Amino acid sequence: MTILGGEFFGERALFSGEPSPLSIAAVDDLQVLVIDSDPVNTMIERQPSLGREIGQIIEARSKAVSMAGQADVSSHAEVDSL
């Protein structure tokens, strides 16, 4: 999965408080901004649509990661059966 300029990552860890099981690697220089959950929660309280949008992104990324994992397992199974 590719994350483009202006997009964000780490949203699951932000809401769960747990370290993310995923890792990310940059292919170009980038700037990273670390945001604590308190300001994000305040923003969501003020604008609930933000929470819905983040929830939709979490769901879409979860599906993409799951599909990528299934494709990886399938490709290994094909190689193993050869």
C-alpha atoms as a PDB file:
ATOM      1  CA  MET A   1       0.000   0.000   0.000  1.00  0.00           C
ATOM      2  CA  THR A   2       1.280   3.466  -0.827  1.00  0.00           C
ATOM      3  CA  ILE A   3       0.626   6.557   1.265  1.00  0.00           C
ATOM      4  CA  LEU A   4       0.868   9.795  -0.670  1.00  0.00           C
ATOM      5  CA  GLY A   5       1.935  13.287   0.377  1.00  0.00           C
ATOM      6  CA  GLY A   6      -0.520  14.882   2.781  1.00  0.00           C
ATOM      7  CA  GLU A   7      -1.885  11.536   3.967  1.00  0.00           C
ATOM      8  CA  PHE A   8      -1.358  10.096   7.414  1.00  0.00           C
ATOM      9  CA  PHE A   9      -0.531   6.803   9.081  1.00  0.00           C
ATOM     10  CA  GLY A  10      -0.588   5.452  12.620  1.00  0.00           C
ATOM     11  CA  GLU A  11      -4.288   6.141  13.128  1.00  0.00           C
ATOM     12  CA  ARG A  12      -4.969   2.782  14.775  1.00  0.00           C
ATOM     13  CA  ALA A  13      -2.240   3.302  17.344  1.00  0.00           C
ATOM     14  CA  LEU A  14      -3.572   6.804  17.986  1.00  0.00           C
ATOM     15  CA  PHE A  15      -6.954   5.473  19.052  1.00  0.00           C
ATOM     16  CA  SER A  16      -5.954   2.164  20.626  1.00  0.00           C
ATOM     17  CA  GLY A  17      -2.894   3.378  22.502  1.00  0.00           C
ATOM     18  CA  GLU A  18      -1.140   0.195  21.379  1.00  0.00           C
ATOM     19  CA  PRO A  19       1.916   0.078  19.104  1.00  0.00           C
ATOM     20  CA  SER A  20       1.039  -0.518  15.485  1.00  0.00           C
ATOM     21  CA  PRO A  21       1.697  -4.019  14.149  1.00  0.00           C
ATOM     22  CA  LEU A  22       2.503  -2.436  10.779  1.00  0.00           C
ATOM     23  CA  SER A  23       5.661  -0.723   9.645  1.00  0.00           C
ATOM     24  CA  ILE A  24       6.243   1.934   7.047  1.00  0.00           C
ATOM     25  CA  ALA A  25       9.229   2.737   4.866  1.00  0.00           C
ATOM     26  CA  ALA A  26       9.774   6.034   3.069  1.00  0.00           C
ATOM     27  CA  VAL A  27      10.977   6.022  -0.524  1.00  0.00           C
ATOM     28  CA  ASP A  28      11.674   9.784  -0.435  1.00  0.00           C
ATOM     29  CA  ASP A  29      12.490  12.379   2.189  1.00  0.00           C
ATOM     30  CA  LEU A  30       9.514  13.285   4.332  1.00  0.00           C
ATOM     31  CA  GLN A  31       8.449  15.289   7.328  1.00  0.00           C
ATOM     32  CA  VAL A  32       6.699  13.482  10.141  1.00  0.00           C
ATOM     33  CA  LEU A  33       4.413  15.144  12.645  1.00  0.00           C
ATOM     34  CA  VAL A  34       3.612  13.212  15.806  1.00  0.00           C
ATOM     35  CA  ILE A  35       0.169  14.031  17.189  1.00  0.00           C
ATOM     36  CA  ASP A  36      -0.996  13.062  20.667  1.00  0.00           C
ATOM     37  CA  SER A  37      -4.480  11.573  20.967  1.00  0.00           C
ATOM     38  CA  ASP A  38      -5.853  14.338  23.217  1.00  0.00           C
ATOM     39  CA  PRO A  39      -5.917  17.076  20.540  1.00  0.00           C
ATOM     40  CA  VAL A  40      -7.338  14.624  17.996  1.00  0.00           C
ATOM     41  CA  ASN A  41     -10.103  13.588  20.385  1.00  0.00           C
ATOM     42  CA  THR A  42     -10.898  17.266  21.009  1.00  0.00           C
ATOM     43  CA  MET A  43     -11.090  17.884  17.257  1.00  0.00           C
ATOM     44  CA  ILE A  44     -13.424  14.901  16.836  1.00  0.00           C
ATOM     45  CA  GLU A  45     -15.654  16.156  19.657  1.00  0.00           C
ATOM     46  CA  ARG A  46     -15.910  19.515  17.886  1.00  0.00           C
ATOM     47  CA  GLN A  47     -16.373  17.993  14.440  1.00  0.00           C
ATOM     48  CA  PRO A  48     -17.758  14.428  14.621  1.00  0.00           C
ATOM     49  CA  SER A  49     -17.502  14.029  10.839  1.00  0.00           C
ATOM     50  CA  LEU A  50     -13.714  13.921  11.284  1.00  0.00           C
ATOM     51  CA  GLY A  51     -14.081  10.797  13.419  1.00  0.00           C
ATOM     52  CA  ARG A  52     -16.280   9.191  10.761  1.00  0.00           C
ATOM     53  CA  GLU A  53     -13.748  10.020   8.046  1.00  0.00           C
ATOM     54  CA  ILE A  54     -10.876   8.562  10.062  1.00  0.00           C
ATOM     55  CA  GLY A  55     -12.998   5.480  10.770  1.00  0.00           C
ATOM     56  CA  GLN A  56     -13.619   5.017   7.050  1.00  0.00           C
ATOM     57  CA  ILE A  57      -9.888   5.280   6.355  1.00  0.00           C
ATOM     58  CA  ILE A  58      -9.115   2.735   9.076  1.00  0.00           C
ATOM     59  CA  GLU A  59     -11.667   0.339   7.586  1.00  0.00           C
ATOM     60  CA  ALA A  60     -10.377   0.773   4.020  1.00  0.00           C
ATOM     61  CA  ARG A  61      -6.763   0.289   5.090  1.00  0.00           C
ATOM     62  CA  SER A  62      -7.659  -2.776   7.158  1.00  0.00           C
ATOM     63  CA  LYS A  63      -9.289  -4.309   4.093  1.00  0.00           C
ATOM     64  CA  ALA A  64      -6.279  -3.434   1.914  1.00  0.00           C
ATOM     65  CA  VAL A  65      -3.836  -4.964   4.407  1.00  0.00           C
ATOM     66  CA  SER A  66      -6.002  -8.065   4.733  1.00  0.00           C
ATOM     67  CA  MET A  67      -6.242  -8.468   0.957  1.00  0.00           C
ATOM     68  CA  ALA A  68      -2.486  -7.961   0.594  1.00  0.00           C
ATOM     69  CA  GLY A  69      -1.876 -10.604   3.257  1.00  0.00           C
ATOM     70  CA  GLN A  70      -4.209 -13.042   1.531  1.00  0.00           C
ATOM     71  CA  ALA A  71      -2.490 -12.426  -1.804  1.00  0.00           C
ATOM     72  CA  ASP A  72       0.893 -13.004  -0.161  1.00  0.00           C
ATOM     73  CA  VAL A  73      -0.300 -16.285   1.378  1.00  0.00           C
ATOM     74  CA  SER A  74      -1.762 -17.366  -1.975  1.00  0.00           C
ATOM     75  CA  SER A  75       1.461 -16.616  -3.841  1.00  0.00           C
ATOM     76  CA  HIS A  76       3.478 -18.596  -1.287  1.00  0.00           C
ATOM     77  CA  ALA A  77       1.041 -21.503  -1.561  1.00  0.00           C
ATOM     78  CA  GLU A  78       1.421 -21.493  -5.351  1.00  0.00           C
ATOM     79  CA  VAL A  79       5.197 -21.473  -5.091  1.00  0.00           C
ATOM     80  CA  ASP A  80       5.165 -24.243  -2.476  1.00  0.00           C
ATOM     81  CA  SER A  81       2.979 -26.451  -4.667  1.00  0.00           C
ATOM     82  CA  LEU A  82       5.302 -26.145  -7.690  1.00  0.00           C
END
